[in-house]
Amino acid sequence: MELSSRDLQRLEKAGHRTEDIAQKGQDGIWRVRNVEGHCVLLEPKARKCSAYQSRPLGCYIYPVNIGPEGTIVVDAICPAGASLTAEEMKKKGALLRRHLREIDAQAKSK
C-alpha cells in the first residue's frame, strides 16, 4: 500500500512510528511494511486493523484499484467488492487517481 505524506502524518499522530510501519522504496515512494505475508497494521488474531481510524487513504479506497489499462476496477480477491455501487466506484476511483498523483509528486520532489 503506497503512502502519502498525509498518511504518514496521520499514522504518526495516532502513535505509529513511520520507521516501524513503512519503508521507502528506491522510487521514493513510502509503502506499508508487510510482515509474515500481511500488512504490519493488521492484528491477525483479531483480523482487524490496528490503525483503522487513522488508516491510509488507499485502505479506505480499497477494493477500488486501477487496472492495467488505467481503468478503475475492483480487486477481484475482495469479497466485499461486489457490494460497491457505481457511484461509490466513481467517487473512489477519482479519489484514487488524485491520491496516486499526490504520492508520485511527493516522490519526485525528494
PDB file of N, CA and C in Angstrom:
ATOM      1  N   MET A   1       0.843  -1.167   0.000  1.00  0.00           N
ATOM      2  CA  MET A   1       0.000   0.000   0.000  1.00  0.00           C
ATOM      3  C   MET A   1       0.894   1.237   0.000  1.00  0.00           C
ATOM      4  N   GLU A   2       0.742   2.065  -1.020  1.00  0.00           N
ATOM      5  CA  GLU A   2       1.522   3.296  -1.109  1.00  0.00           C
ATOM      6  C   GLU A   2       0.966   4.332  -0.135  1.00  0.00           C
ATOM      7  N   LEU A   3       1.870   5.150   0.401  1.00  0.00           N
ATOM      8  CA  LEU A   3       1.505   6.134   1.421  1.00  0.00           C
ATOM      9  C   LEU A   3       1.898   7.543   0.996  1.00  0.00           C
ATOM     10  N   SER A   4       1.020   8.481   1.252  1.00  0.00           N
ATOM     11  CA  SER A   4       1.347   9.894   1.044  1.00  0.00           C
ATOM     12  C   SER A   4       1.925  10.448   2.341  1.00  0.00           C
ATOM     13  N   SER A   5       2.466  11.638   2.264  1.00  0.00           N
ATOM     14  CA  SER A   5       2.984  12.256   3.496  1.00  0.00           C
ATOM     15  C   SER A   5       1.839  12.512   4.470  1.00  0.00           C
ATOM     16  N   ARG A   6       0.646  12.780   3.955  1.00  0.00           N
ATOM     17  CA  ARG A   6      -0.508  12.969   4.855  1.00  0.00           C
ATOM     18  C   ARG A   6      -0.868  11.675   5.576  1.00  0.00           C
ATOM     19  N   ASP A   7      -0.763  10.534   4.857  1.00  0.00           N
ATOM     20  CA  ASP A   7      -0.999   9.234   5.505  1.00  0.00           C
ATOM     21  C   ASP A   7      -0.017   9.043   6.650  1.00  0.00           C
ATOM     22  N   LEU A   8       1.265   9.300   6.376  1.00  0.00           N
ATOM     23  CA  LEU A   8       2.299   9.112   7.397  1.00  0.00           C
ATOM     24  C   LEU A   8       2.076  10.030   8.590  1.00  0.00           C
ATOM     25  N   GLN A   9       1.716  11.276   8.341  1.00  0.00           N
ATOM     26  CA  GLN A   9       1.458  12.223   9.435  1.00  0.00           C
ATOM     27  C   GLN A   9       0.283  11.762  10.285  1.00  0.00           C
ATOM     28  N   ARG A  10      -0.775  11.302   9.628  1.00  0.00           N
ATOM     29  CA  ARG A  10      -1.970  10.840  10.352  1.00  0.00           C
ATOM     30  C   ARG A  10      -1.633   9.615  11.207  1.00  0.00           C
ATOM     31  N   LEU A  11      -0.859   8.688  10.650  1.00  0.00           N
ATOM     32  CA  LEU A  11      -0.482   7.494  11.395  1.00  0.00           C
ATOM     33  C   LEU A  11       0.441   7.830  12.565  1.00  0.00           C
ATOM     34  N   GLU A  12       1.365   8.753  12.352  1.00  0.00           N
ATOM     35  CA  GLU A  12       2.249   9.166  13.456  1.00  0.00           C
ATOM     36  C   GLU A  12       1.459   9.856  14.562  1.00  0.00           C
ATOM     37  N   LYS A  13       0.515  10.687  14.175  1.00  0.00           N
ATOM     38  CA  LYS A  13      -0.322  11.371  15.168  1.00  0.00           C
ATOM     39  C   LYS A  13      -1.101  10.359  16.011  1.00  0.00           C
ATOM     40  N   ALA A  14      -1.427   9.211  15.398  1.00  0.00           N
ATOM     41  CA  ALA A  14      -2.154   8.154  16.115  1.00  0.00           C
ATOM     42  C   ALA A  14      -1.219   7.250  16.924  1.00  0.00           C
ATOM     43  N   GLY A  15       0.095   7.549  16.895  1.00  0.00           N
ATOM     44  CA  GLY A  15       1.024   6.800  17.722  1.00  0.00           C
ATOM     45  C   GLY A  15       1.869   5.764  17.011  1.00  0.00           C
ATOM     46  N   HIS A  16       1.770   5.690  15.695  1.00  0.00           N
ATOM     47  CA  HIS A  16       2.577   4.736  14.931  1.00  0.00           C
ATOM     48  C   HIS A  16       3.841   5.430  14.430  1.00  0.00           C
ATOM     49  N   ARG A  17       4.989   4.803  14.645  1.00  0.00           N
ATOM     50  CA  ARG A  17       6.245   5.375  14.165  1.00  0.00           C
ATOM     51  C   ARG A  17       6.466   4.958  12.716  1.00  0.00           C
ATOM     52  N   THR A  18       6.766   5.928  11.859  1.00  0.00           N
ATOM     53  CA  THR A  18       6.946   5.657  10.433  1.00  0.00           C
ATOM     54  C   THR A  18       7.934   4.530  10.198  1.00  0.00           C
ATOM     55  N   GLU A  19       9.072   4.548  10.883  1.00  0.00           N
ATOM     56  CA  GLU A  19      10.089   3.526  10.651  1.00  0.00           C
ATOM     57  C   GLU A  19       9.624   2.121  11.053  1.00  0.00           C
ATOM     58  N   ASP A  20       8.600   2.028  11.886  1.00  0.00           N
ATOM     59  CA  ASP A  20       8.065   0.724  12.289  1.00  0.00           C
ATOM     60  C   ASP A  20       7.030   0.182  11.305  1.00  0.00           C
ATOM     61  N   ILE A  21       6.333   1.061  10.633  1.00  0.00           N
ATOM     62  CA  ILE A  21       5.214   0.609   9.796  1.00  0.00           C
ATOM     63  C   ILE A  21       5.411   0.788   8.303  1.00  0.00           C
ATOM     64  N   ALA A  22       6.433   1.554   7.905  1.00  0.00           N
ATOM     65  CA  ALA A  22       6.598   1.850   6.479  1.00  0.00           C
ATOM     66  C   ALA A  22       8.050   1.790   6.062  1.00  0.00           C
ATOM     67  N   GLN A  23       8.241   1.644   4.774  1.00  0.00           N
ATOM     68  CA  GLN A  23       9.590   1.711   4.216  1.00  0.00           C
ATOM     69  C   GLN A  23       9.524   2.475   2.907  1.00  0.00           C
ATOM     70  N   LYS A  24      10.610   3.187   2.636  1.00  0.00           N
ATOM     71  CA  LYS A  24      10.695   3.996   1.425  1.00  0.00           C
ATOM     72  C   LYS A  24      11.406   3.197   0.342  1.00  0.00           C
ATOM     73  N   GLY A  25      10.744   3.075  -0.805  1.00  0.00           N
ATOM     74  CA  GLY A  25      11.324   2.339  -1.918  1.00  0.00           C
ATOM     75  C   GLY A  25      12.371   3.157  -2.653  1.00  0.00           C
ATOM     76  N   GLN A  26      13.101   2.507  -3.534  1.00  0.00           N
ATOM     77  CA  GLN A  26      14.106   3.198  -4.341  1.00  0.00           C
ATOM     78  C   GLN A  26      13.465   4.229  -5.256  1.00  0.00           C
ATOM     79  N   ASP A  27      12.171   4.077  -5.505  1.00  0.00           N
ATOM     80  CA  ASP A  27      11.446   5.042  -6.329  1.00  0.00           C
ATOM     81  C   ASP A  27      10.998   6.265  -5.538  1.00  0.00           C
ATOM     82  N   GLY A  28      11.342   6.294  -4.231  1.00  0.00           N
ATOM     83  CA  GLY A  28      10.996   7.431  -3.383  1.00  0.00           C
ATOM     84  C   GLY A  28       9.607   7.359  -2.785  1.00  0.00           C
ATOM     85  N   ILE A  29       8.899   6.269  -3.021  1.00  0.00           N
ATOM     86  CA  ILE A  29       7.527   6.116  -2.522  1.00  0.00           C
ATOM     87  C   ILE A  29       7.526   5.298  -1.234  1.00  0.00           C
ATOM     88  N   TRP A  30       6.836   5.831  -0.228  1.00  0.00           N
ATOM     89  CA  TRP A  30       6.663   5.121   1.037  1.00  0.00           C
ATOM     90  C   TRP A  30       5.561   4.082   0.880  1.00  0.00           C
ATOM     91  N   ARG A  31       5.778   2.903   1.467  1.00  0.00           N
ATOM     92  CA  ARG A  31       4.782   1.832   1.432  1.00  0.00           C
ATOM     93  C   ARG A  31       4.686   1.184   2.809  1.00  0.00           C
ATOM     94  N   VAL A  32       3.504   0.693   3.131  1.00  0.00           N
ATOM     95  CA  VAL A  32       3.300  -0.019   4.392  1.00  0.00           C
ATOM     96  C   VAL A  32       4.125  -1.301   4.345  1.00  0.00           C
ATOM     97  N   ARG A  33       4.760  -1.603   5.447  1.00  0.00           N
ATOM     98  CA  ARG A  33       5.546  -2.836   5.554  1.00  0.00           C
ATOM     99  C   ARG A  33       4.599  -4.042   5.619  1.00  0.00           C
ATOM    100  N   ASN A  34       5.086  -5.150   5.099  1.00  0.00           N
ATOM    101  CA  ASN A  34       4.388  -6.424   5.246  1.00  0.00           C
ATOM    102  C   ASN A  34       5.218  -7.304   6.159  1.00  0.00           C
ATOM    103  N   VAL A  35       4.542  -8.014   7.035  1.00  0.00           N
ATOM    104  CA  VAL A  35       5.192  -8.919   7.972  1.00  0.00           C
ATOM    105  C   VAL A  35       4.452 -10.252   7.903  1.00  0.00           C
ATOM    106  N   GLU A  36       5.193 -11.303   7.678  1.00  0.00           N
ATOM    107  CA  GLU A  36       4.608 -12.649   7.607  1.00  0.00           C
ATOM    108  C   GLU A  36       3.426 -12.704   6.637  1.00  0.00           C
ATOM    109  N   GLY A  37       3.566 -12.014   5.511  1.00  0.00           N
ATOM    110  CA  GLY A  37       2.564 -12.082   4.455  1.00  0.00           C
ATOM    111  C   GLY A  37       1.346 -11.189   4.619  1.00  0.00           C
ATOM    112  N   HIS A  38       1.389 -10.278   5.588  1.00  0.00           N
ATOM    113  CA  HIS A  38       0.253  -9.368   5.752  1.00  0.00           C
ATOM    114  C   HIS A  38       0.731  -7.988   6.181  1.00  0.00           C
ATOM    115  N   CYS A  39      -0.128  -7.028   6.048  1.00  0.00           N
ATOM    116  CA  CYS A  39       0.162  -5.655   6.444  1.00  0.00           C
ATOM    117  C   CYS A  39       0.548  -5.599   7.918  1.00  0.00           C
ATOM    118  N   VAL A  40       1.583  -4.833   8.215  1.00  0.00           N
ATOM    119  CA  VAL A  40       2.063  -4.712   9.591  1.00  0.00           C
ATOM    120  C   VAL A  40       0.990  -4.133  10.521  1.00  0.00           C
ATOM    121  N   LEU A  41       0.022  -3.426   9.980  1.00  0.00           N
ATOM    122  CA  LEU A  41      -1.037  -2.833  10.795  1.00  0.00           C
ATOM    123  C   LEU A  41      -2.164  -3.816  11.124  1.00  0.00           C
ATOM    124  N   LEU A  42      -2.149  -4.970  10.461  1.00  0.00           N
ATOM    125  CA  LEU A  42      -3.184  -5.973  10.709  1.00  0.00           C
ATOM    126  C   LEU A  42      -2.885  -6.736  11.987  1.00  0.00           C
ATOM    127  N   GLU A  43      -3.887  -6.869  12.827  1.00  0.00           N
ATOM    128  CA  GLU A  43      -3.798  -7.731  14.004  1.00  0.00           C
ATOM    129  C   GLU A  43      -4.387  -9.075  13.575  1.00  0.00           C
ATOM    130  N   PRO A  44      -3.538 -10.048  13.240  1.00  0.00           N
ATOM    131  CA  PRO A  44      -4.018 -11.282  12.614  1.00  0.00           C
ATOM    132  C   PRO A  44      -5.039 -12.071  13.435  1.00  0.00           C
ATOM    133  N   LYS A  45      -4.830 -12.185  14.728  1.00  0.00           N
ATOM    134  CA  LYS A  45      -5.765 -12.966  15.544  1.00  0.00           C
ATOM    135  C   LYS A  45      -7.142 -12.318  15.577  1.00  0.00           C
ATOM    136  N   ALA A  46      -7.169 -11.002  15.701  1.00  0.00           N
ATOM    137  CA  ALA A  46      -8.444 -10.278  15.751  1.00  0.00           C
ATOM    138  C   ALA A  46      -8.986 -10.002  14.349  1.00  0.00           C
ATOM    139  N   ARG A  47      -8.109 -10.161  13.324  1.00  0.00           N
ATOM    140  CA  ARG A  47      -8.464  -9.858  11.938  1.00  0.00           C
ATOM    141  C   ARG A  47      -8.983  -8.427  11.804  1.00  0.00           C
ATOM    142  N   LYS A  48      -8.257  -7.519  12.476  1.00  0.00           N
ATOM    143  CA  LYS A  48      -8.626  -6.110  12.481  1.00  0.00           C
ATOM    144  C   LYS A  48      -7.397  -5.251  12.228  1.00  0.00           C
ATOM    145  N   CYS A  49      -7.645  -4.063  11.718  1.00  0.00           N
ATOM    146  CA  CYS A  49      -6.578  -3.105  11.501  1.00  0.00           C
ATOM    147  C   CYS A  49      -6.310  -2.351  12.801  1.00  0.00           C
ATOM    148  N   SER A  50      -5.057  -2.285  13.193  1.00  0.00           N
ATOM    149  CA  SER A  50      -4.706  -1.583  14.435  1.00  0.00           C
ATOM    150  C   SER A  50      -4.744  -0.068  14.254  1.00  0.00           C
ATOM    151  N   ALA A  51      -4.881   0.376  13.009  1.00  0.00           N
ATOM    152  CA  ALA A  51      -4.895   1.819  12.715  1.00  0.00           C
ATOM    153  C   ALA A  51      -6.158   2.211  11.953  1.00  0.00           C
ATOM    154  N   TYR A  52      -7.245   1.494  12.178  1.00  0.00           N
ATOM    155  CA  TYR A  52      -8.439   1.687  11.358  1.00  0.00           C
ATOM    156  C   TYR A  52      -8.894   3.147  11.307  1.00  0.00           C
ATOM    157  N   GLN A  53      -8.936   3.825  12.438  1.00  0.00           N
ATOM    158  CA  GLN A  53      -9.404   5.213  12.473  1.00  0.00           C
ATOM    159  C   GLN A  53      -8.452   6.168  11.755  1.00  0.00           C
ATOM    160  N   SER A  54      -7.185   5.795  11.655  1.00  0.00           N
ATOM    161  CA  SER A  54      -6.190   6.655  11.001  1.00  0.00           C
ATOM    162  C   SER A  54      -5.570   5.958   9.790  1.00  0.00           C
ATOM    163  N   ARG A  55      -6.250   4.966   9.259  1.00  0.00           N
ATOM    164  CA  ARG A  55      -5.706   4.146   8.168  1.00  0.00           C
ATOM    165  C   ARG A  55      -5.338   4.972   6.942  1.00  0.00           C
ATOM    166  N   PRO A  56      -4.406   4.459   6.143  1.00  0.00           N
ATOM    167  CA  PRO A  56      -4.031   5.150   4.916  1.00  0.00           C
ATOM    168  C   PRO A  56      -5.228   5.320   3.987  1.00  0.00           C
ATOM    169  N   LEU A  57      -5.191   6.373   3.198  1.00  0.00           N
ATOM    170  CA  LEU A  57      -6.286   6.643   2.272  1.00  0.00           C
ATOM    171  C   LEU A  57      -6.492   5.486   1.300  1.00  0.00           C
ATOM    172  N   GLY A  58      -5.414   4.865   0.863  1.00  0.00           N
ATOM    173  CA  GLY A  58      -5.531   3.723  -0.038  1.00  0.00           C
ATOM    174  C   GLY A  58      -6.337   2.581   0.559  1.00  0.00           C
ATOM    175  N   CYS A  59      -6.254   2.410   1.872  1.00  0.00           N
ATOM    176  CA  CYS A  59      -7.032   1.373   2.545  1.00  0.00           C
ATOM    177  C   CYS A  59      -8.521   1.734   2.544  1.00  0.00           C
ATOM    178  N   TYR A  60      -8.815   3.010   2.707  1.00  0.00           N
ATOM    179  CA  TYR A  60     -10.202   3.469   2.646  1.00  0.00           C
ATOM    180  C   TYR A  60     -10.768   3.244   1.240  1.00  0.00           C
ATOM    181  N   ILE A  61      -9.957   3.503   0.226  1.00  0.00           N
ATOM    182  CA  ILE A  61     -10.393   3.396  -1.165  1.00  0.00           C
ATOM    183  C   ILE A  61     -10.570   1.933  -1.586  1.00  0.00           C
ATOM    184  N   TYR A  62      -9.750   1.042  -1.059  1.00  0.00           N
ATOM    185  CA  TYR A  62      -9.798  -0.371  -1.419  1.00  0.00           C
ATOM    186  C   TYR A  62     -11.205  -0.931  -1.237  1.00  0.00           C
ATOM    187  N   PRO A  63     -11.674  -1.776  -2.142  1.00  0.00           N
ATOM    188  CA  PRO A  63     -11.019  -2.568  -3.165  1.00  0.00           C
ATOM    189  C   PRO A  63     -10.971  -1.916  -4.553  1.00  0.00           C
ATOM    190  N   VAL A  64     -11.235  -0.632  -4.620  1.00  0.00           N
ATOM    191  CA  VAL A  64     -11.121   0.065  -5.902  1.00  0.00           C
ATOM    192  C   VAL A  64      -9.646   0.227  -6.226  1.00  0.00           C
ATOM    193  N   ASN A  65      -9.307  -0.064  -7.475  1.00  0.00           N
ATOM    194  CA  ASN A  65      -7.919  -0.025  -7.905  1.00  0.00           C
ATOM    195  C   ASN A  65      -7.871   0.445  -9.352  1.00  0.00           C
ATOM    196  N   ILE A  66      -6.682   0.602  -9.873  1.00  0.00           N
ATOM    197  CA  ILE A  66      -6.520   0.972 -11.271  1.00  0.00           C
ATOM    198  C   ILE A  66      -5.970  -0.236 -12.015  1.00  0.00           C
ATOM    199  N   GLY A  67      -6.668  -0.621 -13.082  1.00  0.00           N
ATOM    200  CA  GLY A  67      -6.280  -1.782 -13.871  1.00  0.00           C
ATOM    201  C   GLY A  67      -5.124  -1.472 -14.809  1.00  0.00           C
ATOM    202  N   PRO A  68      -4.650  -2.484 -15.517  1.00  0.00           N
ATOM    203  CA  PRO A  68      -3.503  -2.331 -16.405  1.00  0.00           C
ATOM    204  C   PRO A  68      -3.698  -1.265 -17.489  1.00  0.00           C
ATOM    205  N   GLU A  69      -4.906  -1.059 -17.930  1.00  0.00           N
ATOM    206  CA  GLU A  69      -5.149  -0.072 -18.987  1.00  0.00           C
ATOM    207  C   GLU A  69      -5.541   1.296 -18.418  1.00  0.00           C
ATOM    208  N   GLY A  70      -5.392   1.454 -17.105  1.00  0.00           N
ATOM    209  CA  GLY A  70      -5.714   2.729 -16.476  1.00  0.00           C
ATOM    210  C   GLY A  70      -7.171   2.893 -16.116  1.00  0.00           C
ATOM    211  N   THR A  71      -7.940   1.825 -16.251  1.00  0.00           N
ATOM    212  CA  THR A  71      -9.356   1.893 -15.906  1.00  0.00           C
ATOM    213  C   THR A  71      -9.545   1.603 -14.419  1.00  0.00           C
ATOM    214  N   ILE A  72     -10.635   2.106 -13.874  1.00  0.00           N
ATOM    215  CA  ILE A  72     -10.968   1.844 -12.481  1.00  0.00           C
ATOM    216  C   ILE A  72     -11.605   0.463 -12.389  1.00  0.00           C
ATOM    217  N   VAL A  73     -11.047  -0.374 -11.512  1.00  0.00           N
ATOM    218  CA  VAL A  73     -11.523  -1.749 -11.359  1.00  0.00           C
ATOM    219  C   VAL A  73     -11.691  -2.061  -9.871  1.00  0.00           C
ATOM    220  N   VAL A  74     -12.342  -3.174  -9.607  1.00  0.00           N
ATOM    221  CA  VAL A  74     -12.463  -3.680  -8.242  1.00  0.00           C
ATOM    222  C   VAL A  74     -11.553  -4.892  -8.124  1.00  0.00           C
ATOM    223  N   ASP A  75     -10.760  -4.953  -7.061  1.00  0.00           N
ATOM    224  CA  ASP A  75      -9.876  -6.087  -6.837  1.00  0.00           C
ATOM    225  C   ASP A  75     -10.736  -7.345  -6.702  1.00  0.00           C
ATOM    226  N   ALA A  76     -10.518  -8.281  -7.597  1.00  0.00           N
ATOM    227  CA  ALA A  76     -11.345  -9.490  -7.662  1.00  0.00           C
ATOM    228  C   ALA A  76     -11.233 -10.357  -6.414  1.00  0.00           C
ATOM    229  N   ILE A  77     -10.138 -10.228  -5.644  1.00  0.00           N
ATOM    230  CA  ILE A  77      -9.993 -11.095  -4.467  1.00  0.00           C
ATOM    231  C   ILE A  77     -10.754 -10.575  -3.252  1.00  0.00           C
ATOM    232  N   CYS A  78     -11.308  -9.371  -3.348  1.00  0.00           N
ATOM    233  CA  CYS A  78     -12.024  -8.804  -2.213  1.00  0.00           C
ATOM    234  C   CYS A  78     -13.486  -9.252  -2.241  1.00  0.00           C
ATOM    235  N   PRO A  79     -13.932  -9.968  -1.209  1.00  0.00           N
ATOM    236  CA  PRO A  79     -15.317 -10.437  -1.192  1.00  0.00           C
ATOM    237  C   PRO A  79     -16.347  -9.301  -1.124  1.00  0.00           C
ATOM    238  N   ALA A  80     -15.952  -8.149  -0.613  1.00  0.00           N
ATOM    239  CA  ALA A  80     -16.889  -7.026  -0.496  1.00  0.00           C
ATOM    240  C   ALA A  80     -16.984  -6.214  -1.782  1.00  0.00           C
ATOM    241  N   GLY A  81     -16.134  -6.520  -2.745  1.00  0.00           N
ATOM    242  CA  GLY A  81     -16.099  -5.754  -3.980  1.00  0.00           C
ATOM    243  C   GLY A  81     -17.425  -5.701  -4.717  1.00  0.00           C
ATOM    244  N   ALA A  82     -18.167  -6.786  -4.706  1.00  0.00           N
ATOM    245  CA  ALA A  82     -19.443  -6.851  -5.428  1.00  0.00           C
ATOM    246  C   ALA A  82     -20.501  -5.937  -4.822  1.00  0.00           C
ATOM    247  N   SER A  83     -20.283  -5.490  -3.598  1.00  0.00           N
ATOM    248  CA  SER A  83     -21.294  -4.654  -2.941  1.00  0.00           C
ATOM    249  C   SER A  83     -21.149  -3.163  -3.274  1.00  0.00           C
ATOM    250  N   LEU A  84     -20.079  -2.789  -3.983  1.00  0.00           N
ATOM    251  CA  LEU A  84     -19.879  -1.382  -4.328  1.00  0.00           C
ATOM    252  C   LEU A  84     -20.875  -0.934  -5.389  1.00  0.00           C
ATOM    253  N   THR A  85     -21.434   0.243  -5.200  1.00  0.00           N
ATOM    254  CA  THR A  85     -22.331   0.810  -6.209  1.00  0.00           C
ATOM    255  C   THR A  85     -21.502   1.518  -7.281  1.00  0.00           C
ATOM    256  N   ALA A  86     -22.136   1.820  -8.386  1.00  0.00           N
ATOM    257  CA  ALA A  86     -21.460   2.551  -9.463  1.00  0.00           C
ATOM    258  C   ALA A  86     -21.010   3.919  -8.970  1.00  0.00           C
ATOM    259  N   GLU A  87     -21.798   4.552  -8.141  1.00  0.00           N
ATOM    260  CA  GLU A  87     -21.450   5.872  -7.596  1.00  0.00           C
ATOM    261  C   GLU A  87     -20.225   5.779  -6.684  1.00  0.00           C
ATOM    262  N   GLU A  88     -20.172   4.741  -5.843  1.00  0.00           N
ATOM    263  CA  GLU A  88     -19.005   4.544  -4.974  1.00  0.00           C
ATOM    264  C   GLU A  88     -17.748   4.291  -5.808  1.00  0.00           C
ATOM    265  N   MET A  89     -17.892   3.501  -6.855  1.00  0.00           N
ATOM    266  CA  MET A  89     -16.757   3.227  -7.748  1.00  0.00           C
ATOM    267  C   MET A  89     -16.241   4.521  -8.367  1.00  0.00           C
ATOM    268  N   LYS A  90     -17.151   5.344  -8.831  1.00  0.00           N
ATOM    269  CA  LYS A  90     -16.765   6.605  -9.469  1.00  0.00           C
ATOM    270  C   LYS A  90     -16.061   7.519  -8.467  1.00  0.00           C
ATOM    271  N   LYS A  91     -16.650   7.659  -7.290  1.00  0.00           N
ATOM    272  CA  LYS A  91     -16.089   8.536  -6.255  1.00  0.00           C
ATOM    273  C   LYS A  91     -14.714   8.040  -5.796  1.00  0.00           C
ATOM    274  N   LYS A  92     -14.627   6.758  -5.484  1.00  0.00           N
ATOM    275  CA  LYS A  92     -13.359   6.209  -5.003  1.00  0.00           C
ATOM    276  C   LYS A  92     -12.309   6.171  -6.115  1.00  0.00           C
ATOM    277  N   GLY A  93     -12.745   5.962  -7.347  1.00  0.00           N
ATOM    278  CA  GLY A  93     -11.816   5.974  -8.473  1.00  0.00           C
ATOM    279  C   GLY A  93     -11.168   7.338  -8.646  1.00  0.00           C
ATOM    280  N   ALA A  94     -11.981   8.396  -8.571  1.00  0.00           N
ATOM    281  CA  ALA A  94     -11.446   9.758  -8.697  1.00  0.00           C
ATOM    282  C   ALA A  94     -10.504  10.065  -7.528  1.00  0.00           C
ATOM    283  N   LEU A  95     -10.892   9.643  -6.336  1.00  0.00           N
ATOM    284  CA  LEU A  95     -10.055   9.846  -5.151  1.00  0.00           C
ATOM    285  C   LEU A  95      -8.728   9.102  -5.293  1.00  0.00           C
ATOM    286  N   LEU A  96      -8.773   7.893  -5.813  1.00  0.00           N
ATOM    287  CA  LEU A  96      -7.559   7.109  -6.004  1.00  0.00           C
ATOM    288  C   LEU A  96      -6.614   7.786  -6.993  1.00  0.00           C
ATOM    289  N   ARG A  97      -7.140   8.276  -8.093  1.00  0.00           N
ATOM    290  CA  ARG A  97      -6.296   8.961  -9.075  1.00  0.00           C
ATOM    291  C   ARG A  97      -5.610  10.180  -8.456  1.00  0.00           C
ATOM    292  N   ARG A  98      -6.346  10.982  -7.687  1.00  0.00           N
ATOM    293  CA  ARG A  98      -5.754  12.154  -7.020  1.00  0.00           C
ATOM    294  C   ARG A  98      -4.687  11.722  -6.020  1.00  0.00           C
ATOM    295  N   HIS A  99      -4.992  10.693  -5.263  1.00  0.00           N
ATOM    296  CA  HIS A  99      -4.067  10.193  -4.239  1.00  0.00           C
ATOM    297  C   HIS A  99      -2.756   9.728  -4.876  1.00  0.00           C
ATOM    298  N   LEU A 100      -2.847   8.983  -5.956  1.00  0.00           N
ATOM    299  CA  LEU A 100      -1.637   8.485  -6.617  1.00  0.00           C
ATOM    300  C   LEU A 100      -0.833   9.614  -7.256  1.00  0.00           C
ATOM    301  N   ARG A 101      -1.513  10.623  -7.791  1.00  0.00           N
ATOM    302  CA  ARG A 101      -0.789  11.786  -8.332  1.00  0.00           C
ATOM    303  C   ARG A 101      -0.027  12.495  -7.214  1.00  0.00           C
ATOM    304  N   GLU A 102      -0.667  12.625  -6.047  1.00  0.00           N
ATOM    305  CA  GLU A 102      -0.015  13.269  -4.897  1.00  0.00           C
ATOM    306  C   GLU A 102       1.221  12.477  -4.470  1.00  0.00           C
ATOM    307  N   ILE A 103       1.091  11.170  -4.379  1.00  0.00           N
ATOM    308  CA  ILE A 103       2.212  10.318  -3.979  1.00  0.00           C
ATOM    309  C   ILE A 103       3.351  10.432  -4.985  1.00  0.00           C
ATOM    310  N   ASP A 104       3.026  10.368  -6.263  1.00  0.00           N
ATOM    311  CA  ASP A 104       4.057  10.493  -7.309  1.00  0.00           C
ATOM    312  C   ASP A 104       4.763  11.848  -7.227  1.00  0.00           C
ATOM    313  N   ALA A 105       4.001  12.912  -7.035  1.00  0.00           N
ATOM    314  CA  ALA A 105       4.592  14.254  -6.948  1.00  0.00           C
ATOM    315  C   ALA A 105       5.522  14.350  -5.738  1.00  0.00           C
ATOM    316  N   GLN A 106       5.115  13.778  -4.630  1.00  0.00           N
ATOM    317  CA  GLN A 106       5.944  13.817  -3.418  1.00  0.00           C
ATOM    318  C   GLN A 106       7.239  13.028  -3.632  1.00  0.00           C
ATOM    319  N   ALA A 107       7.150  11.892  -4.308  1.00  0.00           N
ATOM    320  CA  ALA A 107       8.342  11.074  -4.551  1.00  0.00           C
ATOM    321  C   ALA A 107       9.320  11.801  -5.480  1.00  0.00           C
ATOM    322  N   LYS A 108       8.811  12.520  -6.452  1.00  0.00           N
ATOM    323  CA  LYS A 108       9.662  13.227  -7.402  1.00  0.00           C
ATOM    324  C   LYS A 108      10.302  14.465  -6.788  1.00  0.00           C
ATOM    325  N   SER A 109       9.654  15.038  -5.782  1.00  0.00           N
ATOM    326  CA  SER A 109      10.170  16.280  -5.186  1.00  0.00           C
ATOM    327  C   SER A 109      11.259  16.014  -4.148  1.00  0.00           C
ATOM    328  N   LYS A 110      11.506  14.774  -3.812  1.00  0.00           N
ATOM    329  CA  LYS A 110      12.500  14.471  -2.768  1.00  0.00           C
ATOM    330  C   LYS A 110      13.711  13.795  -3.305  1.00  0.00           C
TER     331      LYS A 110
END
